Amino acid sequence: AARRADPTDFFEALQGGIDVVRQAGADLILFDMQYVPSMEQLSRIESYRDLLRGTASANDVPVMPRHDLMRTWQEDGILDLEALGRAERTEVARKLYACIAQVLGASIQEAVR
């Protein structure tokens, strides 16, 4: 999406992936795009986010709202997605993955109850 892939190609790949997973009999959760503080990047991905959410809804597939979570964590000071140093970026990535894993784990745990 950030590289401006053709929306039709994006949709076909997304739908094809959903179909393959469903045919295999596996459960599926989609993640929406990552949040990037750059306004240019945000404007590029919004149409892809809409397409992903619409396709997920039409196929009754849950979506992990990674974009919104990352934005909230950035705004709340939990993550510094604009960190510049390599060590800082590595630490942000570790923290991000831990936060995502915690939310995803709780969501899965709730769904199987």
PDB file of N, CA and C in Angstrom:
ATOM      1  N   ALA A   1       0.820  -1.194   0.000  1.00  0.00           N
ATOM      2  CA  ALA A   1       0.000   0.000   0.000  1.00  0.00           C
ATOM      3  C   ALA A   1       0.861   1.255   0.000  1.00  0.00           C
ATOM      4  N   ALA A   2       1.925   1.259   0.808  1.00  0.00           N
ATOM      5  CA  ALA A   2       2.783   2.438   0.882  1.00  0.00           C
ATOM      6  C   ALA A   2       3.500   2.685  -0.439  1.00  0.00           C
ATOM      7  N   ARG A   3       3.622   1.653  -1.239  1.00  0.00           N
ATOM      8  CA  ARG A   3       4.286   1.798  -2.545  1.00  0.00           C
ATOM      9  C   ARG A   3       3.273   1.998  -3.667  1.00  0.00           C
ATOM     10  N   ARG A   4       2.035   2.227  -3.287  1.00  0.00           N
ATOM     11  CA  ARG A   4       0.946   2.503  -4.236  1.00  0.00           C
ATOM     12  C   ARG A   4       0.692   1.341  -5.187  1.00  0.00           C
ATOM     13  N   ALA A   5       0.580   0.153  -4.609  1.00  0.00           N
ATOM     14  CA  ALA A   5       0.192  -1.001  -5.414  1.00  0.00           C
ATOM     15  C   ALA A   5      -1.188  -0.744  -5.985  1.00  0.00           C
ATOM     16  N   ASP A   6      -1.466  -1.327  -7.118  1.00  0.00           N
ATOM     17  CA  ASP A   6      -2.774  -1.164  -7.735  1.00  0.00           C
ATOM     18  C   ASP A   6      -3.840  -1.695  -6.782  1.00  0.00           C
ATOM     19  N   PRO A   7      -4.868  -0.899  -6.468  1.00  0.00           N
ATOM     20  CA  PRO A   7      -5.909  -1.356  -5.535  1.00  0.00           C
ATOM     21  C   PRO A   7      -6.591  -2.650  -5.979  1.00  0.00           C
ATOM     22  N   THR A   8      -6.759  -2.848  -7.274  1.00  0.00           N
ATOM     23  CA  THR A   8      -7.366  -4.088  -7.759  1.00  0.00           C
ATOM     24  C   THR A   8      -6.465  -5.269  -7.450  1.00  0.00           C
ATOM     25  N   ASP A   9      -5.165  -5.107  -7.673  1.00  0.00           N
ATOM     26  CA  ASP A   9      -4.213  -6.173  -7.344  1.00  0.00           C
ATOM     27  C   ASP A   9      -4.216  -6.454  -5.843  1.00  0.00           C
ATOM     28  N   PHE A  10      -4.279  -5.392  -5.048  1.00  0.00           N
ATOM     29  CA  PHE A  10      -4.319  -5.543  -3.599  1.00  0.00           C
ATOM     30  C   PHE A  10      -5.563  -6.327  -3.185  1.00  0.00           C
ATOM     31  N   PHE A  11      -6.718  -5.943  -3.717  1.00  0.00           N
ATOM     32  CA  PHE A  11      -7.962  -6.642  -3.397  1.00  0.00           C
ATOM     33  C   PHE A  11      -7.890  -8.107  -3.811  1.00  0.00           C
ATOM     34  N   GLU A  12      -7.424  -8.374  -5.013  1.00  0.00           N
ATOM     35  CA  GLU A  12      -7.356  -9.760  -5.501  1.00  0.00           C
ATOM     36  C   GLU A  12      -6.425 -10.610  -4.640  1.00  0.00           C
ATOM     37  N   ALA A  13      -5.296 -10.035  -4.240  1.00  0.00           N
ATOM     38  CA  ALA A  13      -4.368 -10.767  -3.378  1.00  0.00           C
ATOM     39  C   ALA A  13      -4.995 -11.023  -2.008  1.00  0.00           C
ATOM     40  N   LEU A  14      -5.668 -10.020  -1.489  1.00  0.00           N
ATOM     41  CA  LEU A  14      -6.318 -10.154  -0.192  1.00  0.00           C
ATOM     42  C   LEU A  14      -7.425 -11.207  -0.236  1.00  0.00           C
ATOM     43  N   GLN A  15      -8.290 -11.099  -1.233  1.00  0.00           N
ATOM     44  CA  GLN A  15      -9.386 -12.060  -1.356  1.00  0.00           C
ATOM     45  C   GLN A  15      -8.843 -13.462  -1.617  1.00  0.00           C
ATOM     46  N   GLY A  16      -7.827 -13.560  -2.446  1.00  0.00           N
ATOM     47  CA  GLY A  16      -7.213 -14.859  -2.722  1.00  0.00           C
ATOM     48  C   GLY A  16      -6.635 -15.486  -1.464  1.00  0.00           C
ATOM     49  N   GLY A  17      -5.983 -14.674  -0.639  1.00  0.00           N
ATOM     50  CA  GLY A  17      -5.432 -15.174   0.614  1.00  0.00           C
ATOM     51  C   GLY A  17      -6.519 -15.648   1.565  1.00  0.00           C
ATOM     52  N   ILE A  18      -7.592 -14.889   1.667  1.00  0.00           N
ATOM     53  CA  ILE A  18      -8.718 -15.291   2.514  1.00  0.00           C
ATOM     54  C   ILE A  18      -9.280 -16.617   2.023  1.00  0.00           C
ATOM     55  N   ASP A  19      -9.449 -16.735   0.718  1.00  0.00           N
ATOM     56  CA  ASP A  19     -10.004 -17.972   0.147  1.00  0.00           C
ATOM     57  C   ASP A  19      -9.120 -19.182   0.440  1.00  0.00           C
ATOM     58  N   VAL A  20      -7.812 -19.025   0.300  1.00  0.00           N
ATOM     59  CA  VAL A  20      -6.877 -20.125   0.543  1.00  0.00           C
ATOM     60  C   VAL A  20      -6.938 -20.562   2.012  1.00  0.00           C
ATOM     61  N   VAL A  21      -6.932 -19.599   2.910  1.00  0.00           N
ATOM     62  CA  VAL A  21      -6.980 -19.933   4.340  1.00  0.00           C
ATOM     63  C   VAL A  21      -8.294 -20.623   4.676  1.00  0.00           C
ATOM     64  N   ARG A  22      -9.390 -20.116   4.139  1.00  0.00           N
ATOM     65  CA  ARG A  22     -10.692 -20.728   4.398  1.00  0.00           C
ATOM     66  C   ARG A  22     -10.760 -22.148   3.832  1.00  0.00           C
ATOM     67  N   GLN A  23     -10.237 -22.344   2.636  1.00  0.00           N
ATOM     68  CA  GLN A  23     -10.242 -23.680   2.037  1.00  0.00           C
ATOM     69  C   GLN A  23      -9.425 -24.670   2.858  1.00  0.00           C
ATOM     70  N   ALA A  24      -8.413 -24.168   3.535  1.00  0.00           N
ATOM     71  CA  ALA A  24      -7.585 -25.025   4.383  1.00  0.00           C
ATOM     72  C   ALA A  24      -8.257 -25.304   5.727  1.00  0.00           C
ATOM     73  N   GLY A  25      -9.358 -24.616   5.995  1.00  0.00           N
ATOM     74  CA  GLY A  25     -10.092 -24.827   7.232  1.00  0.00           C
ATOM     75  C   GLY A  25      -9.480 -24.139   8.443  1.00  0.00           C
ATOM     76  N   ALA A  26      -8.620 -23.170   8.205  1.00  0.00           N
ATOM     77  CA  ALA A  26      -7.953 -22.467   9.311  1.00  0.00           C
ATOM     78  C   ALA A  26      -8.707 -21.191   9.676  1.00  0.00           C
ATOM     79  N   ASP A  27      -8.510 -20.766  10.914  1.00  0.00           N
ATOM     80  CA  ASP A  27      -9.046 -19.480  11.350  1.00  0.00           C
ATOM     81  C   ASP A  27      -8.151 -18.368  10.817  1.00  0.00           C
ATOM     82  N   LEU A  28      -8.709 -17.172  10.761  1.00  0.00           N
ATOM     83  CA  LEU A  28      -7.980 -16.069  10.143  1.00  0.00           C
ATOM     84  C   LEU A  28      -8.281 -14.768  10.862  1.00  0.00           C
ATOM     85  N   ILE A  29      -7.252 -13.986  11.105  1.00  0.00           N
ATOM     86  CA  ILE A  29      -7.371 -12.618  11.596  1.00  0.00           C
ATOM     87  C   ILE A  29      -6.478 -11.771  10.695  1.00  0.00           C
ATOM     88  N   LEU A  30      -7.026 -10.713  10.139  1.00  0.00           N
ATOM     89  CA  LEU A  30      -6.230  -9.795   9.330  1.00  0.00           C
ATOM     90  C   LEU A  30      -5.741  -8.640  10.192  1.00  0.00           C
ATOM     91  N   PHE A  31      -4.577  -8.140   9.892  1.00  0.00           N
ATOM     92  CA  PHE A  31      -4.044  -6.942  10.531  1.00  0.00           C
ATOM     93  C   PHE A  31      -4.152  -5.807   9.525  1.00  0.00           C
ATOM     94  N   ASP A  32      -4.637  -4.651   9.965  1.00  0.00           N
ATOM     95  CA  ASP A  32      -4.613  -3.540   9.028  1.00  0.00           C
ATOM     96  C   ASP A  32      -3.213  -2.933   9.005  1.00  0.00           C
ATOM     97  N   MET A  33      -3.034  -1.914   8.201  1.00  0.00           N
ATOM     98  CA  MET A  33      -1.715  -1.350   7.963  1.00  0.00           C
ATOM     99  C   MET A  33      -1.131  -0.729   9.231  1.00  0.00           C
ATOM    100  N   GLN A  34       0.177  -0.633   9.250  1.00  0.00           N
ATOM    101  CA  GLN A  34       0.843   0.021  10.371  1.00  0.00           C
ATOM    102  C   GLN A  34       0.592   1.525  10.308  1.00  0.00           C
ATOM    103  N   TYR A  35       0.590   2.137  11.468  1.00  0.00           N
ATOM    104  CA  TYR A  35       0.499   3.591  11.557  1.00  0.00           C
ATOM    105  C   TYR A  35       1.882   4.173  11.336  1.00  0.00           C
ATOM    106  N   VAL A  36       1.950   5.170  10.492  1.00  0.00           N
ATOM    107  CA  VAL A  36       3.190   5.885  10.232  1.00  0.00           C
ATOM    108  C   VAL A  36       2.877   7.359  10.443  1.00  0.00           C
ATOM    109  N   PRO A  37       3.599   8.045  11.322  1.00  0.00           N
ATOM    110  CA  PRO A  37       3.266   9.433  11.638  1.00  0.00           C
ATOM    111  C   PRO A  37       3.300  10.402  10.456  1.00  0.00           C
ATOM    112  N   SER A  38       3.974  10.059   9.385  1.00  0.00           N
ATOM    113  CA  SER A  38       4.068  10.937   8.216  1.00  0.00           C
ATOM    114  C   SER A  38       2.699  11.119   7.554  1.00  0.00           C
ATOM    115  N   MET A  39       2.276  12.356   7.384  1.00  0.00           N
ATOM    116  CA  MET A  39       0.980  12.637   6.752  1.00  0.00           C
ATOM    117  C   MET A  39       0.923  12.094   5.323  1.00  0.00           C
ATOM    118  N   GLU A  40       2.032  12.163   4.613  1.00  0.00           N
ATOM    119  CA  GLU A  40       2.066  11.638   3.246  1.00  0.00           C
ATOM    120  C   GLU A  40       1.771  10.138   3.240  1.00  0.00           C
ATOM    121  N   GLN A  41       2.411   9.408   4.131  1.00  0.00           N
ATOM    122  CA  GLN A  41       2.185   7.963   4.208  1.00  0.00           C
ATOM    123  C   GLN A  41       0.746   7.664   4.626  1.00  0.00           C
ATOM    124  N   LEU A  42       0.217   8.437   5.577  1.00  0.00           N
ATOM    125  CA  LEU A  42      -1.150   8.210   6.035  1.00  0.00           C
ATOM    126  C   LEU A  42      -2.141   8.370   4.892  1.00  0.00           C
ATOM    127  N   SER A  43      -1.954   9.394   4.079  1.00  0.00           N
ATOM    128  CA  SER A  43      -2.893   9.611   2.979  1.00  0.00           C
ATOM    129  C   SER A  43      -2.781   8.512   1.927  1.00  0.00           C
ATOM    130  N   ARG A  44      -1.614   7.942   1.767  1.00  0.00           N
ATOM    131  CA  ARG A  44      -1.427   6.861   0.791  1.00  0.00           C
ATOM    132  C   ARG A  44      -2.147   5.582   1.199  1.00  0.00           C
ATOM    133  N   ILE A  45      -2.167   5.279   2.484  1.00  0.00           N
ATOM    134  CA  ILE A  45      -2.678   3.976   2.897  1.00  0.00           C
ATOM    135  C   ILE A  45      -4.165   3.959   3.230  1.00  0.00           C
ATOM    136  N   GLU A  46      -4.792   5.103   3.355  1.00  0.00           N
ATOM    137  CA  GLU A  46      -6.188   5.127   3.803  1.00  0.00           C
ATOM    138  C   GLU A  46      -7.122   4.357   2.876  1.00  0.00           C
ATOM    139  N   SER A  47      -6.956   4.480   1.582  1.00  0.00           N
ATOM    140  CA  SER A  47      -7.835   3.742   0.664  1.00  0.00           C
ATOM    141  C   SER A  47      -7.605   2.232   0.781  1.00  0.00           C
ATOM    142  N   TYR A  48      -6.367   1.827   1.050  1.00  0.00           N
ATOM    143  CA  TYR A  48      -6.075   0.405   1.232  1.00  0.00           C
ATOM    144  C   TYR A  48      -6.690  -0.107   2.540  1.00  0.00           C
ATOM    145  N   ARG A  49      -6.650   0.725   3.566  1.00  0.00           N
ATOM    146  CA  ARG A  49      -7.293   0.345   4.837  1.00  0.00           C
ATOM    147  C   ARG A  49      -8.791   0.145   4.622  1.00  0.00           C
ATOM    148  N   ASP A  50      -9.409   1.063   3.880  1.00  0.00           N
ATOM    149  CA  ASP A  50     -10.842   0.933   3.586  1.00  0.00           C
ATOM    150  C   ASP A  50     -11.127  -0.357   2.826  1.00  0.00           C
ATOM    151  N   LEU A  51     -10.292  -0.647   1.850  1.00  0.00           N
ATOM    152  CA  LEU A  51     -10.452  -1.858   1.053  1.00  0.00           C
ATOM    153  C   LEU A  51     -10.280  -3.104   1.910  1.00  0.00           C
ATOM    154  N   LEU A  52      -9.291  -3.094   2.779  1.00  0.00           N
ATOM    155  CA  LEU A  52      -9.062  -4.234   3.663  1.00  0.00           C
ATOM    156  C   LEU A  52     -10.261  -4.434   4.598  1.00  0.00           C
ATOM    157  N   ARG A  53     -10.732  -3.364   5.219  1.00  0.00           N
ATOM    158  CA  ARG A  53     -11.868  -3.489   6.142  1.00  0.00           C
ATOM    159  C   ARG A  53     -13.126  -3.962   5.419  1.00  0.00           C
ATOM    160  N   GLY A  54     -13.377  -3.442   4.227  1.00  0.00           N
ATOM    161  CA  GLY A  54     -14.545  -3.864   3.465  1.00  0.00           C
ATOM    162  C   GLY A  54     -14.474  -5.328   3.060  1.00  0.00           C
ATOM    163  N   THR A  55     -13.309  -5.758   2.613  1.00  0.00           N
ATOM    164  CA  THR A  55     -13.123  -7.153   2.209  1.00  0.00           C
ATOM    165  C   THR A  55     -13.248  -8.074   3.419  1.00  0.00           C
ATOM    166  N   ALA A  56     -12.667  -7.677   4.530  1.00  0.00           N
ATOM    167  CA  ALA A  56     -12.768  -8.478   5.754  1.00  0.00           C
ATOM    168  C   ALA A  56     -14.224  -8.592   6.198  1.00  0.00           C
ATOM    169  N   SER A  57     -14.934  -7.493   6.173  1.00  0.00           N
ATOM    170  CA  SER A  57     -16.342  -7.501   6.577  1.00  0.00           C
ATOM    171  C   SER A  57     -17.176  -8.395   5.661  1.00  0.00           C
ATOM    172  N   ALA A  58     -16.961  -8.284   4.372  1.00  0.00           N
ATOM    173  CA  ALA A  58     -17.715  -9.084   3.403  1.00  0.00           C
ATOM    174  C   ALA A  58     -17.447 -10.580   3.574  1.00  0.00           C
ATOM    175  N   ASN A  59     -16.280 -10.913   4.127  1.00  0.00           N
ATOM    176  CA  ASN A  59     -15.898 -12.316   4.320  1.00  0.00           C
ATOM    177  C   ASN A  59     -16.013 -12.755   5.780  1.00  0.00           C
ATOM    178  N   ASP A  60     -16.567 -11.889   6.625  1.00  0.00           N
ATOM    179  CA  ASP A  60     -16.715 -12.176   8.052  1.00  0.00           C
ATOM    180  C   ASP A  60     -15.385 -12.573   8.691  1.00  0.00           C
ATOM    181  N   VAL A  61     -14.354 -11.781   8.410  1.00  0.00           N
ATOM    182  CA  VAL A  61     -13.017 -12.000   8.953  1.00  0.00           C
ATOM    183  C   VAL A  61     -12.700 -10.847   9.909  1.00  0.00           C
ATOM    184  N   PRO A  62     -12.289 -11.156  11.133  1.00  0.00           N
ATOM    185  CA  PRO A  62     -11.939 -10.076  12.063  1.00  0.00           C
ATOM    186  C   PRO A  62     -10.661  -9.360  11.626  1.00  0.00           C
ATOM    187  N   VAL A  63     -10.582  -8.081  11.979  1.00  0.00           N
ATOM    188  CA  VAL A  63      -9.410  -7.270  11.658  1.00  0.00           C
ATOM    189  C   VAL A  63      -8.810  -6.728  12.947  1.00  0.00           C
ATOM    190  N   MET A  64      -7.531  -6.960  13.119  1.00  0.00           N
ATOM    191  CA  MET A  64      -6.792  -6.376  14.234  1.00  0.00           C
ATOM    192  C   MET A  64      -6.500  -4.931  13.857  1.00  0.00           C
ATOM    193  N   PRO A  65      -6.997  -3.968  14.615  1.00  0.00           N
ATOM    194  CA  PRO A  65      -6.839  -2.557  14.235  1.00  0.00           C
ATOM    195  C   PRO A  65      -5.458  -2.004  14.577  1.00  0.00           C
ATOM    196  N   ARG A  66      -4.449  -2.609  13.990  1.00  0.00           N
ATOM    197  CA  ARG A  66      -3.063  -2.246  14.290  1.00  0.00           C
ATOM    198  C   ARG A  66      -2.806  -0.751  14.087  1.00  0.00           C
ATOM    199  N   HIS A  67      -3.341  -0.195  13.011  1.00  0.00           N
ATOM    200  CA  HIS A  67      -3.129   1.223  12.707  1.00  0.00           C
ATOM    201  C   HIS A  67      -3.623   2.103  13.862  1.00  0.00           C
ATOM    202  N   ASP A  68      -4.856   1.886  14.286  1.00  0.00           N
ATOM    203  CA  ASP A  68      -5.436   2.698  15.355  1.00  0.00           C
ATOM    204  C   ASP A  68      -4.711   2.477  16.677  1.00  0.00           C
ATOM    205  N   LEU A  69      -4.345   1.237  16.957  1.00  0.00           N
ATOM    206  CA  LEU A  69      -3.600   0.951  18.182  1.00  0.00           C
ATOM    207  C   LEU A  69      -2.263   1.683  18.187  1.00  0.00           C
ATOM    208  N   MET A  70      -1.534   1.595  17.077  1.00  0.00           N
ATOM    209  CA  MET A  70      -0.230   2.243  16.998  1.00  0.00           C
ATOM    210  C   MET A  70      -0.358   3.757  17.126  1.00  0.00           C
ATOM    211  N   ARG A  71      -1.392   4.318  16.511  1.00  0.00           N
ATOM    212  CA  ARG A  71      -1.608   5.769  16.602  1.00  0.00           C
ATOM    213  C   ARG A  71      -1.859   6.164  18.054  1.00  0.00           C
ATOM    214  N   THR A  72      -2.703   5.405  18.738  1.00  0.00           N
ATOM    215  CA  THR A  72      -3.000   5.692  20.149  1.00  0.00           C
ATOM    216  C   THR A  72      -1.742   5.567  20.994  1.00  0.00           C
ATOM    217  N   TRP A  73      -0.974   4.505  20.788  1.00  0.00           N
ATOM    218  CA  TRP A  73       0.249   4.316  21.569  1.00  0.00           C
ATOM    219  C   TRP A  73       1.250   5.445  21.303  1.00  0.00           C
ATOM    220  N   GLN A  74       1.309   5.928  20.069  1.00  0.00           N
ATOM    221  CA  GLN A  74       2.189   7.057  19.740  1.00  0.00           C
ATOM    222  C   GLN A  74       1.697   8.313  20.456  1.00  0.00           C
ATOM    223  N   GLU A  75       0.396   8.593  20.350  1.00  0.00           N
ATOM    224  CA  GLU A  75      -0.167   9.805  20.956  1.00  0.00           C
ATOM    225  C   GLU A  75      -0.077   9.778  22.474  1.00  0.00           C
ATOM    226  N   ASP A  76      -0.185   8.587  23.068  1.00  0.00           N
ATOM    227  CA  ASP A  76      -0.109   8.452  24.525  1.00  0.00           C
ATOM    228  C   ASP A  76       1.320   8.364  25.047  1.00  0.00           C
ATOM    229  N   GLY A  77       2.297   8.377  24.162  1.00  0.00           N
ATOM    230  CA  GLY A  77       3.693   8.335  24.578  1.00  0.00           C
ATOM    231  C   GLY A  77       4.205   6.943  24.919  1.00  0.00           C
ATOM    232  N   ILE A  78       3.428   5.921  24.609  1.00  0.00           N
ATOM    233  CA  ILE A  78       3.863   4.553  24.871  1.00  0.00           C
ATOM    234  C   ILE A  78       4.942   4.139  23.876  1.00  0.00           C
ATOM    235  N   LEU A  79       4.787   4.576  22.639  1.00  0.00           N
ATOM    236  CA  LEU A  79       5.766   4.305  21.585  1.00  0.00           C
ATOM    237  C   LEU A  79       6.226   5.619  20.969  1.00  0.00           C
ATOM    238  N   ASP A  80       7.485   5.672  20.575  1.00  0.00           N
ATOM    239  CA  ASP A  80       8.003   6.813  19.823  1.00  0.00           C
ATOM    240  C   ASP A  80       8.295   6.331  18.413  1.00  0.00           C
ATOM    241  N   LEU A  81       7.275   6.399  17.561  1.00  0.00           N
ATOM    242  CA  LEU A  81       7.420   5.890  16.198  1.00  0.00           C
ATOM    243  C   LEU A  81       8.281   6.783  15.320  1.00  0.00           C
ATOM    244  N   GLU A  82       8.757   7.885  15.868  1.00  0.00           N
ATOM    245  CA  GLU A  82       9.648   8.770  15.128  1.00  0.00           C
ATOM    246  C   GLU A  82      11.078   8.695  15.657  1.00  0.00           C
ATOM    247  N   ALA A  83      11.376   7.668  16.441  1.00  0.00           N
ATOM    248  CA  ALA A  83      12.730   7.483  16.982  1.00  0.00           C
ATOM    249  C   ALA A  83      13.728   7.409  15.827  1.00  0.00           C
ATOM    250  N   LEU A  84      14.872   8.008  16.010  1.00  0.00           N
ATOM    251  CA  LEU A  84      15.853   8.074  14.929  1.00  0.00           C
ATOM    252  C   LEU A  84      17.001   7.090  15.073  1.00  0.00           C
ATOM    253  N   GLY A  85      17.496   6.913  16.259  1.00  0.00           N
ATOM    254  CA  GLY A  85      18.658   6.045  16.456  1.00  0.00           C
ATOM    255  C   GLY A  85      18.312   4.577  16.270  1.00  0.00           C
ATOM    256  N   ARG A  86      19.291   3.832  15.809  1.00  0.00           N
ATOM    257  CA  ARG A  86      19.068   2.404  15.556  1.00  0.00           C
ATOM    258  C   ARG A  86      18.646   1.661  16.822  1.00  0.00           C
ATOM    259  N   ALA A  87      19.330   1.912  17.917  1.00  0.00           N
ATOM    260  CA  ALA A  87      18.994   1.252  19.180  1.00  0.00           C
ATOM    261  C   ALA A  87      17.583   1.639  19.624  1.00  0.00           C
ATOM    262  N   GLU A  88      17.248   2.918  19.462  1.00  0.00           N
ATOM    263  CA  GLU A  88      15.900   3.379  19.825  1.00  0.00           C
ATOM    264  C   GLU A  88      14.839   2.705  18.965  1.00  0.00           C
ATOM    265  N   ARG A  89      15.087   2.633  17.666  1.00  0.00           N
ATOM    266  CA  ARG A  89      14.110   1.998  16.758  1.00  0.00           C
ATOM    267  C   ARG A  89      13.942   0.522  17.088  1.00  0.00           C
ATOM    268  N   THR A  90      15.041  -0.146  17.438  1.00  0.00           N
ATOM    269  CA  THR A  90      14.974  -1.556  17.814  1.00  0.00           C
ATOM    270  C   THR A  90      14.115  -1.718  19.064  1.00  0.00           C
ATOM    271  N   GLU A  91      14.318  -0.847  20.046  1.00  0.00           N
ATOM    272  CA  GLU A  91      13.529  -0.912  21.282  1.00  0.00           C
ATOM    273  C   GLU A  91      12.054  -0.611  21.005  1.00  0.00           C
ATOM    274  N   VAL A  92      11.770   0.349  20.145  1.00  0.00           N
ATOM    275  CA  VAL A  92      10.386   0.660  19.775  1.00  0.00           C
ATOM    276  C   VAL A  92       9.744  -0.556  19.101  1.00  0.00           C
ATOM    277  N   ALA A  93      10.477  -1.206  18.217  1.00  0.00           N
ATOM    278  CA  ALA A  93       9.940  -2.389  17.533  1.00  0.00           C
ATOM    279  C   ALA A  93       9.641  -3.498  18.535  1.00  0.00           C
ATOM    280  N   ARG A  94      10.532  -3.728  19.472  1.00  0.00           N
ATOM    281  CA  ARG A  94      10.299  -4.759  20.498  1.00  0.00           C
ATOM    282  C   ARG A  94       9.055  -4.442  21.321  1.00  0.00           C
ATOM    283  N   LYS A  95       8.944  -3.191  21.714  1.00  0.00           N
ATOM    284  CA  LYS A  95       7.800  -2.769  22.514  1.00  0.00           C
ATOM    285  C   LYS A  95       6.513  -2.878  21.691  1.00  0.00           C
ATOM    286  N   LEU A  96       6.582  -2.485  20.431  1.00  0.00           N
ATOM    287  CA  LEU A  96       5.413  -2.569  19.548  1.00  0.00           C
ATOM    288  C   LEU A  96       4.926  -4.004  19.426  1.00  0.00           C
ATOM    289  N   TYR A  97       5.839  -4.923  19.146  1.00  0.00           N
ATOM    290  CA  TYR A  97       5.449  -6.327  18.983  1.00  0.00           C
ATOM    291  C   TYR A  97       4.887  -6.898  20.278  1.00  0.00           C
ATOM    292  N   ALA A  98       5.444  -6.482  21.410  1.00  0.00           N
ATOM    293  CA  ALA A  98       4.918  -6.947  22.694  1.00  0.00           C
ATOM    294  C   ALA A  98       3.495  -6.423  22.917  1.00  0.00           C
ATOM    295  N   CYS A  99       3.258  -5.164  22.592  1.00  0.00           N
ATOM    296  CA  CYS A  99       1.919  -4.585  22.745  1.00  0.00           C
ATOM    297  C   CYS A  99       0.922  -5.268  21.817  1.00  0.00           C
ATOM    298  N   ILE A 100       1.314  -5.481  20.575  1.00  0.00           N
ATOM    299  CA  ILE A 100       0.433  -6.152  19.609  1.00  0.00           C
ATOM    300  C   ILE A 100       0.131  -7.572  20.090  1.00  0.00           C
ATOM    301  N   ALA A 101       1.142  -8.278  20.546  1.00  0.00           N
ATOM    302  CA  ALA A 101       0.944  -9.653  21.017  1.00  0.00           C
ATOM    303  C   ALA A 101      -0.014  -9.694  22.200  1.00  0.00           C
ATOM    304  N   GLN A 102       0.104  -8.729  23.089  1.00  0.00           N
ATOM    305  CA  GLN A 102      -0.774  -8.691  24.258  1.00  0.00           C
ATOM    306  C   GLN A 102      -2.228  -8.471  23.831  1.00  0.00           C
ATOM    307  N   VAL A 103      -2.473  -7.521  22.943  1.00  0.00           N
ATOM    308  CA  VAL A 103      -3.834  -7.246  22.478  1.00  0.00           C
ATOM    309  C   VAL A 103      -4.377  -8.429  21.681  1.00  0.00           C
ATOM    310  N   LEU A 104      -3.569  -8.977  20.799  1.00  0.00           N
ATOM    311  CA  LEU A 104      -3.999 -10.108  19.988  1.00  0.00           C
ATOM    312  C   LEU A 104      -4.302 -11.321  20.864  1.00  0.00           C
ATOM    313  N   GLY A 105      -3.423 -11.599  21.805  1.00  0.00           N
ATOM    314  CA  GLY A 105      -3.641 -12.727  22.711  1.00  0.00           C
ATOM    315  C   GLY A 105      -4.938 -12.581  23.494  1.00  0.00           C
ATOM    316  N   ALA A 106      -5.196 -11.387  24.001  1.00  0.00           N
ATOM    317  CA  ALA A 106      -6.434 -11.153  24.754  1.00  0.00           C
ATOM    318  C   ALA A 106      -7.659 -11.321  23.849  1.00  0.00           C
ATOM    319  N   SER A 107      -7.553 -10.864  22.617  1.00  0.00           N
ATOM    320  CA  SER A 107      -8.666 -10.993  21.663  1.00  0.00           C
ATOM    321  C   SER A 107      -8.957 -12.456  21.347  1.00  0.00           C
ATOM    322  N   ILE A 108      -7.915 -13.216  21.127  1.00  0.00           N
ATOM    323  CA  ILE A 108      -8.081 -14.647  20.818  1.00  0.00           C
ATOM    324  C   ILE A 108      -8.656 -15.370  22.043  1.00  0.00           C
ATOM    325  N   GLN A 109      -8.119 -15.061  23.199  1.00  0.00           N
ATOM    326  CA  GLN A 109      -8.607 -15.688  24.431  1.00  0.00           C
ATOM    327  C   GLN A 109     -10.098 -15.396  24.630  1.00  0.00           C
ATOM    328  N   GLU A 110     -10.516 -14.189  24.383  1.00  0.00           N
ATOM    329  CA  GLU A 110     -11.926 -13.805  24.518  1.00  0.00           C
ATOM    330  C   GLU A 110     -12.788 -14.546  23.492  1.00  0.00           C
ATOM    331  N   ALA A 111     -12.279 -14.698  22.287  1.00  0.00           N
ATOM    332  CA  ALA A 111     -13.043 -15.326  21.205  1.00  0.00           C
ATOM    333  C   ALA A 111     -13.275 -16.818  21.449  1.00  0.00           C
ATOM    334  N   VAL A 112     -12.357 -17.478  22.126  1.00  0.00           N
ATOM    335  CA  VAL A 112     -12.499 -18.924  22.327  1.00  0.00           C
ATOM    336  C   VAL A 112     -13.248 -19.281  23.609  1.00  0.00           C
ATOM    337  N   ARG A 113     -13.631 -18.302  24.369  1.00  0.00           N
ATOM    338  CA  ARG A 113     -14.403 -18.581  25.593  1.00  0.00           C
ATOM    339  C   ARG A 113     -15.803 -18.958  25.296  1.00  0.00           C
TER     340      ARG A 113
END
